[in-house]
Amino acid sequence: GVPKTIDNDLMETDLTFGFDSARMTATEAIDKLHTTAQSHHRVLLVEVMGRNAGWLALESGIAGGGDVILIPEIPYNIDEVVSVVRKRSRFGKRFSIVVVSEGCKPEGGAQVYQRIIEESPDPIRLGGVSHIIGKQLEDETGIECRVAVLGHLQRGGTPTPLDRLLATRFSVKAVELFNEGKFNHMVALQGNRLVAVPVEKVMNRQRTVPQDHELIQSAVAVGTSFGQKL
């Protein structure tokens, strides 16, 4: 097998192909939404995919200059998000960008879902959390909030060069393993090396964002909020 997902949440591999393309799409969207948020003095909430792992929101949010990034691994406090928006307004920054992972949830709360499809292998369909947060922010700050849900735009389009190279490397290694009779393994990228990992080490597990991850620490150091005091 080869690791393919835009969520980058598979165990035993540092990177999955598809992630970089989705990260680029989300980052470019955040870049473009900056201008409309700034010119109209709004809070713009950008909702990206990520049910239980916030890698896409984290990395596109940092790259795109999000002021607040909300991920599933760090339950947010809405008062903290309100505080960030108000503080920016007091200092003359009359707009804010909030990057929201679809699976984020408030302290003591649950994920927001649109509907449940009983017969589906993935019955819970997440969505709508950005609209809830946007209404809360608008009610508390009086600043107009708009929501942009990127949806399946993140899954399509032209792959980045990195994803093309990664997919090529993975596929060649997978064929090598097949020819060697080494079945029930997944090709993984560890450092810059391709390795074979038993599938039982990967199945039914997810690689989520550690709260002490270096990227989170770097983002906090430059003033990004994660909806919590970190």
Foldseek 3Di string as FASTA:
>chain_A
DEAADLLQWWPPFNGHQLVVLLLVLLLVVLLVVVVVQQVQLAEEEEEEEDAQACPSQLRSCVSNVAQEGAHQVDAFDLVLVLVSQVVCVVVVRSYGYYYYYQNHHHVVGGGAFDAADVVDPPGTHTDDPRVVSQVVNCVSPVGHYDYHYCPCVSRDDDGDPVSVVSVVVQVVVVVVCVVVVNPQWYWHQDPNDTDTHRCVVGPPGTHHDDPPDPSNVVCVVVNHHHNDDD
